[in-house]
N, C-alpha and C. Protein backbone atom coordinates (compact mmCIF):
# COMPACT_ATOMS: atom_id res chain seq x y z
N MET A 1 -113.14 -44.62 -98.27
CA MET A 1 -114.51 -44.14 -98.27
C MET A 1 -115.46 -45.31 -98.01
N GLN A 2 -116.40 -45.12 -97.10
CA GLN A 2 -117.37 -46.17 -96.80
C GLN A 2 -118.71 -45.71 -97.35
N PHE A 3 -119.51 -46.68 -97.78
CA PHE A 3 -120.86 -46.40 -98.26
C PHE A 3 -121.86 -46.87 -97.28
N ALA A 4 -122.95 -46.15 -97.18
CA ALA A 4 -123.99 -46.50 -96.27
C ALA A 4 -124.79 -47.76 -96.81
N PRO A 5 -125.49 -48.40 -95.95
CA PRO A 5 -126.31 -49.57 -96.36
C PRO A 5 -127.41 -49.10 -97.32
N HIS A 6 -128.16 -50.01 -97.85
CA HIS A 6 -129.24 -49.71 -98.81
C HIS A 6 -130.16 -48.57 -98.28
N PRO A 7 -130.58 -47.68 -99.13
CA PRO A 7 -131.39 -46.53 -98.67
C PRO A 7 -132.72 -46.90 -98.05
N ASN A 8 -133.22 -48.11 -98.33
CA ASN A 8 -134.50 -48.47 -97.73
C ASN A 8 -134.34 -48.98 -96.29
N HIS A 9 -133.19 -49.12 -95.85
CA HIS A 9 -132.93 -49.54 -94.47
C HIS A 9 -133.49 -48.52 -93.47
N LYS A 10 -134.31 -48.93 -92.52
CA LYS A 10 -135.06 -47.99 -91.66
C LYS A 10 -134.10 -47.16 -90.80
N GLU A 11 -132.99 -47.70 -90.27
CA GLU A 11 -132.11 -46.96 -89.44
C GLU A 11 -131.47 -45.80 -90.17
N ASP A 12 -131.36 -45.86 -91.47
CA ASP A 12 -130.70 -44.76 -92.25
C ASP A 12 -131.62 -43.61 -92.61
N GLU A 13 -132.86 -43.67 -92.23
CA GLU A 13 -133.82 -42.61 -92.59
C GLU A 13 -133.29 -41.20 -92.11
N PRO A 14 -132.83 -41.09 -90.84
CA PRO A 14 -132.35 -39.77 -90.42
C PRO A 14 -131.11 -39.31 -91.19
N ILE A 15 -130.28 -40.25 -91.54
CA ILE A 15 -129.06 -39.88 -92.32
C ILE A 15 -129.50 -39.46 -93.71
N ARG A 16 -130.44 -40.14 -94.32
CA ARG A 16 -130.91 -39.71 -95.66
C ARG A 16 -131.48 -38.27 -95.59
N LYS A 17 -132.26 -37.99 -94.56
CA LYS A 17 -132.82 -36.65 -94.42
C LYS A 17 -131.67 -35.61 -94.20
N LEU A 18 -130.69 -36.00 -93.41
CA LEU A 18 -129.60 -35.10 -93.13
C LEU A 18 -128.81 -34.82 -94.45
N ARG A 19 -128.64 -35.86 -95.27
CA ARG A 19 -127.94 -35.69 -96.53
C ARG A 19 -128.69 -34.70 -97.42
N ILE A 20 -129.97 -34.85 -97.49
CA ILE A 20 -130.79 -33.91 -98.29
C ILE A 20 -130.72 -32.52 -97.75
N LEU A 21 -130.85 -32.36 -96.44
CA LEU A 21 -130.84 -31.05 -95.80
C LEU A 21 -129.50 -30.33 -95.97
N THR A 22 -128.40 -31.07 -95.89
CA THR A 22 -127.09 -30.43 -96.04
C THR A 22 -126.82 -29.94 -97.43
N PHE A 23 -127.48 -30.50 -98.41
CA PHE A 23 -127.30 -30.08 -99.83
C PHE A 23 -128.12 -28.82 -100.18
N ILE A 24 -129.06 -28.52 -99.37
CA ILE A 24 -129.95 -27.34 -99.66
C ILE A 24 -129.13 -26.06 -99.69
N PRO A 25 -128.37 -25.71 -98.57
CA PRO A 25 -127.57 -24.46 -98.64
C PRO A 25 -126.54 -24.47 -99.78
N LEU A 26 -125.94 -25.57 -100.05
CA LEU A 26 -124.95 -25.71 -101.08
C LEU A 26 -125.62 -25.39 -102.47
N SER A 27 -126.74 -25.97 -102.69
CA SER A 27 -127.47 -25.74 -103.91
C SER A 27 -127.89 -24.27 -104.11
N ILE A 28 -128.40 -23.70 -102.98
CA ILE A 28 -128.81 -22.26 -103.03
C ILE A 28 -127.58 -21.41 -103.36
N TRP A 29 -126.43 -21.72 -102.75
CA TRP A 29 -125.20 -20.95 -102.97
C TRP A 29 -124.73 -21.06 -104.41
N MET A 30 -124.84 -22.24 -104.98
CA MET A 30 -124.43 -22.40 -106.37
C MET A 30 -125.32 -21.62 -107.33
N ILE A 31 -126.65 -21.65 -107.05
CA ILE A 31 -127.59 -20.84 -107.84
C ILE A 31 -127.23 -19.38 -107.74
N PHE A 32 -126.91 -18.90 -106.55
CA PHE A 32 -126.51 -17.51 -106.32
C PHE A 32 -125.25 -17.18 -107.12
N ILE A 33 -124.25 -18.03 -107.13
CA ILE A 33 -123.02 -17.79 -107.89
C ILE A 33 -123.37 -17.69 -109.40
N PHE A 34 -124.14 -18.59 -109.90
CA PHE A 34 -124.42 -18.55 -111.36
C PHE A 34 -125.36 -17.43 -111.75
N THR A 35 -126.23 -17.01 -110.81
CA THR A 35 -127.09 -15.89 -111.08
C THR A 35 -126.25 -14.63 -111.18
N LEU A 36 -125.32 -14.47 -110.28
CA LEU A 36 -124.44 -13.26 -110.31
C LEU A 36 -123.55 -13.24 -111.55
N SER A 37 -123.04 -14.45 -111.95
CA SER A 37 -122.13 -14.49 -113.10
C SER A 37 -122.91 -14.28 -114.43
N SER A 38 -124.22 -14.43 -114.36
CA SER A 38 -125.01 -14.20 -115.56
C SER A 38 -125.44 -12.77 -115.75
N GLN A 39 -125.26 -11.92 -114.71
CA GLN A 39 -125.65 -10.54 -114.75
C GLN A 39 -124.61 -9.71 -115.56
N PRO A 40 -125.08 -8.70 -116.23
CA PRO A 40 -124.11 -7.84 -116.94
C PRO A 40 -123.30 -7.01 -115.96
N TYR A 41 -122.09 -6.64 -116.39
CA TYR A 41 -121.14 -5.91 -115.53
C TYR A 41 -121.79 -4.65 -114.95
N GLN A 42 -122.53 -3.91 -115.79
CA GLN A 42 -123.10 -2.63 -115.33
C GLN A 42 -124.10 -2.86 -114.17
N LYS A 43 -124.76 -3.99 -114.15
CA LYS A 43 -125.72 -4.19 -113.05
C LYS A 43 -124.98 -4.50 -111.71
N GLN A 44 -123.75 -4.95 -111.77
CA GLN A 44 -123.00 -5.21 -110.61
C GLN A 44 -121.97 -4.10 -110.23
N SER A 45 -121.80 -3.13 -111.07
CA SER A 45 -120.83 -2.11 -110.79
C SER A 45 -121.18 -1.32 -109.55
N ILE A 46 -120.14 -1.08 -108.71
CA ILE A 46 -120.33 -0.23 -107.52
C ILE A 46 -119.82 1.13 -107.74
N GLN A 47 -119.31 1.45 -108.91
CA GLN A 47 -118.74 2.77 -109.16
C GLN A 47 -119.77 3.92 -108.97
N PRO A 48 -121.02 3.74 -109.37
CA PRO A 48 -121.99 4.86 -109.06
C PRO A 48 -122.07 5.14 -107.64
N TYR A 49 -121.96 4.19 -106.75
CA TYR A 49 -121.96 4.44 -105.30
C TYR A 49 -120.69 5.07 -104.87
N LEU A 50 -119.56 4.59 -105.42
CA LEU A 50 -118.27 5.08 -105.04
C LEU A 50 -118.11 6.61 -105.41
N GLN A 51 -118.77 6.97 -106.48
CA GLN A 51 -118.63 8.38 -106.99
C GLN A 51 -119.35 9.39 -106.03
N GLN A 52 -120.05 8.84 -105.03
CA GLN A 52 -120.59 9.70 -104.02
C GLN A 52 -119.49 10.16 -103.05
N VAL A 53 -118.36 9.47 -103.08
CA VAL A 53 -117.21 9.81 -102.24
C VAL A 53 -116.33 10.78 -103.03
N ASP A 54 -115.83 11.81 -102.38
CA ASP A 54 -114.92 12.77 -103.05
C ASP A 54 -113.73 12.03 -103.62
N GLN A 55 -113.44 12.20 -104.90
CA GLN A 55 -112.36 11.50 -105.55
C GLN A 55 -111.03 11.86 -104.95
N ASN A 56 -110.79 13.14 -104.58
CA ASN A 56 -109.49 13.51 -103.97
C ASN A 56 -109.32 12.90 -102.62
N LYS A 57 -110.36 12.82 -101.84
CA LYS A 57 -110.27 12.14 -100.50
C LYS A 57 -109.88 10.65 -100.72
N LEU A 58 -110.55 10.08 -101.64
CA LEU A 58 -110.30 8.66 -101.95
C LEU A 58 -108.86 8.42 -102.42
N LYS A 59 -108.38 9.30 -103.30
CA LYS A 59 -107.02 9.23 -103.78
C LYS A 59 -105.99 9.32 -102.65
N ASN A 60 -106.27 10.23 -101.71
CA ASN A 60 -105.41 10.45 -100.57
C ASN A 60 -105.36 9.22 -99.63
N ALA A 61 -106.49 8.52 -99.59
CA ALA A 61 -106.65 7.36 -98.66
C ALA A 61 -106.03 6.13 -99.22
N LEU A 62 -105.87 6.07 -100.56
CA LEU A 62 -105.37 4.83 -101.22
C LEU A 62 -103.83 4.88 -101.26
N PRO A 63 -103.20 3.72 -101.20
CA PRO A 63 -101.74 3.64 -101.38
C PRO A 63 -101.37 3.88 -102.87
N SER A 64 -100.20 4.17 -103.14
CA SER A 64 -99.72 4.36 -104.52
C SER A 64 -99.40 2.94 -105.08
N VAL A 65 -100.45 2.33 -105.61
CA VAL A 65 -100.35 0.91 -106.04
C VAL A 65 -100.84 0.84 -107.48
N THR A 66 -100.15 0.01 -108.25
CA THR A 66 -100.60 -0.30 -109.60
C THR A 66 -100.79 -1.80 -109.74
N ILE A 67 -101.94 -2.21 -110.26
CA ILE A 67 -102.18 -3.68 -110.45
C ILE A 67 -102.31 -3.92 -111.94
N LYS A 68 -101.63 -4.97 -112.35
CA LYS A 68 -101.77 -5.40 -113.72
C LYS A 68 -102.58 -6.72 -113.69
N TYR A 69 -103.70 -6.69 -114.42
CA TYR A 69 -104.60 -7.84 -114.40
C TYR A 69 -105.07 -8.10 -115.78
N ARG A 70 -104.81 -9.23 -116.34
CA ARG A 70 -105.09 -9.56 -117.71
C ARG A 70 -104.47 -8.52 -118.64
N THR A 71 -105.24 -7.78 -119.35
CA THR A 71 -104.71 -6.76 -120.31
C THR A 71 -104.86 -5.35 -119.71
N SER A 72 -105.24 -5.22 -118.49
CA SER A 72 -105.51 -3.90 -117.89
C SER A 72 -104.42 -3.54 -116.85
N THR A 73 -104.24 -2.28 -116.72
CA THR A 73 -103.34 -1.73 -115.65
C THR A 73 -104.20 -0.75 -114.92
N ILE A 74 -104.30 -0.97 -113.59
CA ILE A 74 -105.17 -0.14 -112.75
C ILE A 74 -104.32 0.57 -111.74
N HIS A 75 -104.31 1.90 -111.82
CA HIS A 75 -103.57 2.74 -110.92
C HIS A 75 -104.47 3.26 -109.79
N ALA A 76 -104.16 3.03 -108.56
CA ALA A 76 -104.98 3.44 -107.48
C ALA A 76 -105.12 4.97 -107.41
N LYS A 77 -104.05 5.67 -107.62
CA LYS A 77 -104.07 7.15 -107.46
C LYS A 77 -104.78 7.84 -108.65
N SER A 78 -104.59 7.32 -109.89
CA SER A 78 -105.16 8.01 -111.09
C SER A 78 -106.58 7.59 -111.39
N ASP A 79 -106.97 6.40 -110.90
CA ASP A 79 -108.37 5.91 -111.16
C ASP A 79 -108.85 5.21 -109.91
N PRO A 80 -109.10 5.99 -108.83
CA PRO A 80 -109.40 5.37 -107.55
C PRO A 80 -110.78 4.61 -107.53
N TYR A 81 -111.74 5.10 -108.28
CA TYR A 81 -113.01 4.32 -108.25
C TYR A 81 -112.87 2.95 -108.94
N ARG A 82 -112.17 2.91 -110.00
CA ARG A 82 -111.94 1.66 -110.67
C ARG A 82 -111.07 0.67 -109.80
N PHE A 83 -110.09 1.23 -109.11
CA PHE A 83 -109.26 0.48 -108.23
C PHE A 83 -110.00 -0.14 -107.12
N VAL A 84 -110.79 0.65 -106.44
CA VAL A 84 -111.64 0.15 -105.28
C VAL A 84 -112.63 -0.86 -105.77
N GLU A 85 -113.27 -0.64 -106.92
CA GLU A 85 -114.18 -1.66 -107.45
C GLU A 85 -113.46 -2.94 -107.79
N PHE A 86 -112.26 -2.82 -108.36
CA PHE A 86 -111.48 -4.04 -108.67
C PHE A 86 -111.17 -4.85 -107.38
N ILE A 87 -110.75 -4.20 -106.35
CA ILE A 87 -110.44 -4.87 -105.08
C ILE A 87 -111.75 -5.47 -104.55
N PHE A 88 -112.81 -4.73 -104.60
CA PHE A 88 -114.10 -5.22 -104.10
C PHE A 88 -114.56 -6.51 -104.88
N ARG A 89 -114.45 -6.45 -106.20
CA ARG A 89 -114.90 -7.58 -107.04
C ARG A 89 -114.03 -8.85 -106.78
N LYS A 90 -112.75 -8.66 -106.64
CA LYS A 90 -111.87 -9.81 -106.38
C LYS A 90 -112.06 -10.31 -104.98
N SER A 91 -112.34 -9.43 -104.03
CA SER A 91 -112.62 -9.86 -102.66
C SER A 91 -113.94 -10.69 -102.64
N ALA A 92 -114.90 -10.21 -103.47
CA ALA A 92 -116.20 -10.93 -103.62
C ALA A 92 -115.94 -12.38 -104.14
N HIS A 93 -115.04 -12.53 -105.12
CA HIS A 93 -114.70 -13.86 -105.60
C HIS A 93 -114.15 -14.70 -104.42
N LEU A 94 -113.25 -14.17 -103.64
CA LEU A 94 -112.68 -14.92 -102.49
C LEU A 94 -113.80 -15.38 -101.55
N PHE A 95 -114.69 -14.41 -101.20
CA PHE A 95 -115.76 -14.70 -100.26
C PHE A 95 -116.73 -15.72 -100.81
N MET A 96 -117.15 -15.53 -102.06
CA MET A 96 -118.18 -16.41 -102.62
C MET A 96 -117.62 -17.92 -102.67
N TYR A 97 -116.39 -18.09 -103.02
CA TYR A 97 -115.86 -19.42 -103.13
C TYR A 97 -115.35 -19.98 -101.77
N ALA A 98 -115.05 -19.13 -100.86
CA ALA A 98 -114.79 -19.57 -99.48
C ALA A 98 -116.12 -20.17 -98.92
N MET A 99 -117.19 -19.47 -99.14
CA MET A 99 -118.47 -19.97 -98.66
C MET A 99 -118.91 -21.24 -99.42
N LEU A 100 -118.63 -21.27 -100.70
CA LEU A 100 -118.98 -22.51 -101.47
C LEU A 100 -118.20 -23.71 -100.82
N ALA A 101 -117.01 -23.50 -100.46
CA ALA A 101 -116.21 -24.60 -99.82
C ALA A 101 -116.80 -24.99 -98.48
N VAL A 102 -117.21 -23.94 -97.73
CA VAL A 102 -117.83 -24.18 -96.40
C VAL A 102 -119.12 -25.05 -96.60
N TRP A 103 -119.95 -24.60 -97.51
CA TRP A 103 -121.24 -25.33 -97.74
C TRP A 103 -120.95 -26.76 -98.30
N ALA A 104 -119.94 -26.90 -99.11
CA ALA A 104 -119.55 -28.24 -99.60
C ALA A 104 -119.07 -29.11 -98.42
N TYR A 105 -118.36 -28.49 -97.50
CA TYR A 105 -117.90 -29.25 -96.30
C TYR A 105 -119.09 -29.67 -95.50
N VAL A 106 -120.02 -28.76 -95.29
CA VAL A 106 -121.26 -29.11 -94.57
C VAL A 106 -122.00 -30.24 -95.26
N ALA A 107 -122.12 -30.18 -96.55
CA ALA A 107 -122.80 -31.20 -97.35
C ALA A 107 -122.11 -32.57 -97.24
N SER A 108 -120.83 -32.55 -96.96
CA SER A 108 -120.06 -33.81 -96.91
C SER A 108 -120.12 -34.45 -95.53
N ILE A 109 -120.64 -33.75 -94.54
CA ILE A 109 -120.63 -34.26 -93.14
C ILE A 109 -121.34 -35.66 -93.03
N PRO A 110 -122.53 -35.85 -93.63
CA PRO A 110 -123.13 -37.15 -93.43
C PRO A 110 -122.42 -38.30 -94.12
N TYR A 111 -121.44 -38.02 -94.94
CA TYR A 111 -120.72 -39.10 -95.64
C TYR A 111 -119.40 -39.43 -94.89
N ARG A 112 -118.97 -40.63 -95.03
CA ARG A 112 -117.74 -41.04 -94.32
C ARG A 112 -116.58 -41.02 -95.28
N PHE A 113 -115.96 -39.86 -95.33
CA PHE A 113 -114.74 -39.72 -96.17
C PHE A 113 -113.55 -39.63 -95.21
N ARG A 114 -112.43 -40.11 -95.71
CA ARG A 114 -111.17 -39.83 -94.97
C ARG A 114 -110.89 -38.36 -95.13
N ARG A 115 -110.29 -37.75 -94.15
CA ARG A 115 -110.08 -36.33 -94.16
C ARG A 115 -109.40 -35.78 -95.44
N GLY A 116 -108.37 -36.44 -95.84
CA GLY A 116 -107.65 -36.04 -97.08
C GLY A 116 -108.49 -36.11 -98.30
N TRP A 117 -109.28 -37.21 -98.41
CA TRP A 117 -110.13 -37.35 -99.60
C TRP A 117 -111.25 -36.30 -99.59
N LYS A 118 -111.77 -35.99 -98.42
CA LYS A 118 -112.79 -35.00 -98.29
C LYS A 118 -112.29 -33.67 -98.83
N ALA A 119 -111.06 -33.29 -98.41
CA ALA A 119 -110.51 -32.04 -98.90
C ALA A 119 -110.29 -32.04 -100.39
N VAL A 120 -109.79 -33.16 -100.96
CA VAL A 120 -109.59 -33.23 -102.37
C VAL A 120 -110.91 -33.08 -103.11
N ALA A 121 -111.96 -33.81 -102.65
CA ALA A 121 -113.25 -33.80 -103.27
C ALA A 121 -113.83 -32.34 -103.22
N ILE A 122 -113.70 -31.70 -102.07
CA ILE A 122 -114.29 -30.37 -101.96
C ILE A 122 -113.51 -29.39 -102.89
N LEU A 123 -112.23 -29.43 -102.95
CA LEU A 123 -111.48 -28.55 -103.77
C LEU A 123 -111.68 -28.86 -105.25
N ALA A 124 -111.83 -30.11 -105.62
CA ALA A 124 -112.20 -30.45 -107.03
C ALA A 124 -113.55 -29.89 -107.35
N PHE A 125 -114.47 -29.96 -106.46
CA PHE A 125 -115.85 -29.39 -106.66
C PHE A 125 -115.76 -27.92 -106.83
N VAL A 126 -114.99 -27.21 -106.00
CA VAL A 126 -114.85 -25.77 -106.07
C VAL A 126 -114.23 -25.40 -107.43
N LEU A 127 -113.25 -26.14 -107.84
CA LEU A 127 -112.57 -25.91 -109.14
C LEU A 127 -113.60 -26.08 -110.31
N LEU A 128 -114.38 -27.11 -110.24
CA LEU A 128 -115.35 -27.35 -111.27
C LEU A 128 -116.37 -26.15 -111.38
N ILE A 129 -116.87 -25.71 -110.21
CA ILE A 129 -117.82 -24.61 -110.20
C ILE A 129 -117.18 -23.37 -110.70
N ALA A 130 -115.89 -23.10 -110.31
CA ALA A 130 -115.19 -21.91 -110.71
C ALA A 130 -115.03 -21.88 -112.26
N VAL A 131 -114.64 -23.04 -112.79
CA VAL A 131 -114.45 -23.12 -114.26
C VAL A 131 -115.78 -22.91 -114.99
N LEU A 132 -116.84 -23.57 -114.48
CA LEU A 132 -118.20 -23.44 -115.11
C LEU A 132 -118.70 -21.97 -114.98
N ASP A 133 -118.37 -21.37 -113.86
CA ASP A 133 -118.75 -19.97 -113.64
C ASP A 133 -118.06 -19.06 -114.67
N GLU A 134 -116.73 -19.23 -114.93
CA GLU A 134 -116.07 -18.41 -115.91
C GLU A 134 -116.58 -18.76 -117.32
N TRP A 135 -116.88 -20.00 -117.58
CA TRP A 135 -117.43 -20.39 -118.85
C TRP A 135 -118.77 -19.71 -119.07
N ASN A 136 -119.58 -19.69 -117.99
CA ASN A 136 -120.89 -18.96 -118.08
C ASN A 136 -120.72 -17.50 -118.37
N GLN A 137 -119.74 -16.87 -117.80
CA GLN A 137 -119.47 -15.49 -118.03
C GLN A 137 -119.07 -15.21 -119.49
N SER A 138 -118.45 -16.17 -120.11
CA SER A 138 -117.97 -15.95 -121.51
C SER A 138 -119.14 -15.76 -122.46
N PHE A 139 -120.35 -16.13 -122.04
CA PHE A 139 -121.52 -15.94 -122.90
C PHE A 139 -122.15 -14.59 -122.74
N GLY A 140 -121.84 -13.88 -121.66
CA GLY A 140 -122.41 -12.54 -121.42
C GLY A 140 -121.72 -11.54 -122.25
N GLY A 141 -122.46 -10.66 -122.88
CA GLY A 141 -121.88 -9.62 -123.76
C GLY A 141 -120.95 -8.70 -123.07
N GLU A 142 -121.24 -8.29 -121.87
CA GLU A 142 -120.43 -7.31 -121.16
C GLU A 142 -119.50 -7.94 -120.14
N ARG A 143 -119.43 -9.20 -120.08
CA ARG A 143 -118.59 -9.91 -119.13
C ARG A 143 -117.49 -10.65 -119.86
N THR A 144 -116.37 -10.77 -119.16
CA THR A 144 -115.27 -11.58 -119.76
C THR A 144 -114.87 -12.66 -118.74
N SER A 145 -114.43 -13.78 -119.31
CA SER A 145 -113.99 -14.84 -118.39
C SER A 145 -112.47 -14.74 -118.29
N ALA A 146 -111.93 -15.11 -117.17
CA ALA A 146 -110.47 -15.04 -116.94
C ALA A 146 -110.06 -16.20 -116.10
N ILE A 147 -108.96 -16.85 -116.56
CA ILE A 147 -108.39 -17.94 -115.83
C ILE A 147 -107.85 -17.43 -114.43
N GLN A 148 -107.45 -16.17 -114.40
CA GLN A 148 -107.01 -15.60 -113.12
C GLN A 148 -108.12 -15.64 -112.03
N ASP A 149 -109.36 -15.46 -112.53
CA ASP A 149 -110.48 -15.52 -111.55
C ASP A 149 -110.65 -16.89 -111.00
N VAL A 150 -110.35 -17.92 -111.79
CA VAL A 150 -110.43 -19.27 -111.28
C VAL A 150 -109.43 -19.47 -110.15
N TRP A 151 -108.23 -18.92 -110.34
CA TRP A 151 -107.18 -19.02 -109.30
C TRP A 151 -107.64 -18.29 -108.04
N ILE A 152 -108.24 -17.13 -108.19
CA ILE A 152 -108.72 -16.41 -107.02
C ILE A 152 -109.86 -17.21 -106.33
N ASP A 153 -110.69 -17.78 -107.16
CA ASP A 153 -111.77 -18.60 -106.65
C ASP A 153 -111.23 -19.78 -105.85
N MET A 154 -110.18 -20.38 -106.34
CA MET A 154 -109.54 -21.57 -105.65
C MET A 154 -108.92 -21.11 -104.34
N ILE A 155 -108.28 -19.96 -104.36
CA ILE A 155 -107.74 -19.44 -103.08
C ILE A 155 -108.84 -19.29 -102.06
N GLY A 156 -109.93 -18.69 -102.53
CA GLY A 156 -111.13 -18.57 -101.62
C GLY A 156 -111.61 -19.91 -101.15
N GLY A 157 -111.65 -20.93 -102.03
CA GLY A 157 -112.06 -22.27 -101.65
C GLY A 157 -111.14 -22.87 -100.63
N VAL A 158 -109.82 -22.70 -100.78
CA VAL A 158 -108.88 -23.21 -99.79
C VAL A 158 -109.10 -22.51 -98.44
N ILE A 159 -109.31 -21.22 -98.49
CA ILE A 159 -109.58 -20.50 -97.19
C ILE A 159 -110.84 -21.00 -96.53
N GLY A 160 -111.89 -21.18 -97.30
CA GLY A 160 -113.14 -21.71 -96.72
C GLY A 160 -113.00 -23.12 -96.23
N LEU A 161 -112.28 -23.94 -96.89
CA LEU A 161 -112.07 -25.32 -96.48
C LEU A 161 -111.26 -25.32 -95.14
N LEU A 162 -110.23 -24.50 -95.07
CA LEU A 162 -109.41 -24.42 -93.84
C LEU A 162 -110.26 -23.92 -92.69
N VAL A 163 -111.12 -22.88 -92.88
CA VAL A 163 -111.97 -22.40 -91.82
C VAL A 163 -112.92 -23.48 -91.37
N ALA A 164 -113.59 -24.14 -92.33
CA ALA A 164 -114.53 -25.23 -91.96
C ALA A 164 -113.83 -26.35 -91.23
N SER A 165 -112.70 -26.73 -91.70
CA SER A 165 -111.94 -27.83 -91.07
C SER A 165 -111.51 -27.45 -89.69
N LEU A 166 -111.00 -26.25 -89.51
CA LEU A 166 -110.58 -25.83 -88.15
C LEU A 166 -111.77 -25.72 -87.19
N LEU A 167 -112.86 -25.20 -87.67
CA LEU A 167 -114.07 -25.13 -86.82
C LEU A 167 -114.57 -26.53 -86.45
N ALA A 168 -114.55 -27.42 -87.41
CA ALA A 168 -114.98 -28.83 -87.13
C ALA A 168 -114.01 -29.48 -86.12
N TYR A 169 -112.73 -29.26 -86.30
CA TYR A 169 -111.71 -29.82 -85.38
C TYR A 169 -111.87 -29.23 -83.98
N TRP A 170 -112.09 -27.91 -83.90
CA TRP A 170 -112.25 -27.24 -82.61
C TRP A 170 -113.53 -27.79 -81.93
N ARG A 171 -114.61 -27.91 -82.72
CA ARG A 171 -115.84 -28.39 -82.17
C ARG A 171 -115.70 -29.88 -81.68
N GLN A 172 -114.99 -30.70 -82.45
CA GLN A 172 -114.80 -32.09 -82.02
C GLN A 172 -113.95 -32.18 -80.75
N ARG A 173 -112.93 -31.38 -80.67
CA ARG A 173 -112.06 -31.36 -79.47
C ARG A 173 -112.86 -30.91 -78.30
N LYS A 174 -113.71 -29.90 -78.43
CA LYS A 174 -114.51 -29.38 -77.33
C LYS A 174 -115.57 -30.38 -76.93
N THR A 175 -116.14 -31.14 -77.85
CA THR A 175 -117.20 -32.08 -77.58
C THR A 175 -116.63 -33.30 -76.89
N TYR A 176 -115.50 -33.79 -77.33
CA TYR A 176 -114.96 -35.05 -76.82
C TYR A 176 -113.92 -34.88 -75.72
N ARG A 177 -113.64 -33.70 -75.32
CA ARG A 177 -112.66 -33.51 -74.22
C ARG A 177 -113.25 -33.88 -72.90
N PRO A 178 -112.57 -34.80 -72.17
CA PRO A 178 -113.06 -35.19 -70.86
C PRO A 178 -113.01 -33.99 -69.91
N SER A 179 -114.04 -33.88 -69.09
CA SER A 179 -114.03 -32.75 -68.11
C SER A 179 -113.05 -33.04 -67.00
N ASN A 180 -112.72 -32.05 -66.23
CA ASN A 180 -111.85 -32.21 -65.07
C ASN A 180 -112.37 -33.22 -64.08
N ALA A 181 -113.67 -33.21 -63.84
CA ALA A 181 -114.28 -34.13 -62.91
C ALA A 181 -114.11 -35.58 -63.36
N ASP A 182 -114.22 -35.83 -64.66
CA ASP A 182 -114.07 -37.16 -65.19
C ASP A 182 -112.65 -37.64 -64.99
N SER A 183 -111.71 -36.77 -65.32
CA SER A 183 -110.30 -37.17 -65.23
C SER A 183 -109.87 -37.30 -63.81
N GLN A 184 -110.45 -36.54 -62.89
CA GLN A 184 -110.15 -36.64 -61.47
C GLN A 184 -110.70 -37.99 -60.90
N SER A 185 -111.87 -38.37 -61.36
CA SER A 185 -112.52 -39.63 -60.82
C SER A 185 -111.75 -40.89 -61.36
N GLU A 186 -111.16 -40.75 -62.59
CA GLU A 186 -110.39 -41.85 -63.06
C GLU A 186 -109.08 -42.00 -62.35
N LYS A 187 -108.49 -40.88 -61.83
CA LYS A 187 -107.26 -40.99 -61.10
C LYS A 187 -107.51 -41.51 -59.66
N GLY A 188 -108.67 -41.20 -59.09
CA GLY A 188 -108.92 -41.52 -57.68
C GLY A 188 -109.52 -42.86 -57.57
């Protein structure tokens, strides 16, 4: 890891601004995560909306699956609204933490990290936020914290980090690839 020269150095002013700007979306996303985890379960439930769908049609559309999660057993066919909401909520965990990793990757761009250390730092950050998020939920009366959610969050973080890394790699290859005209002129 390399550190930039003293912050008062005039050449580093654009980098300092970039560092601040890249942390804005990450900070907003973290506030969003903690705001949602502070809400009561009833405020986030999608079951009232799901109940507008005919229960028999929903039962027929779902596979015969049973999920055991913590102390609950959720049967898709016998409780379709609860099953769909469970899948929706866990998918939301994946998405929220995938995006957290993406924004953490963006915030790390102005810093010079080796690729492996950048990944470790981002995943450690995602883990920290996931643990703090579950800890925050433990204070809500209608919410429960679960270590399983931290694992789901980490899977989302890994997915987000992979997507961000692949996009950065693809962009770098596209930017630095010599054109056919350049390679032709070098041969001739």
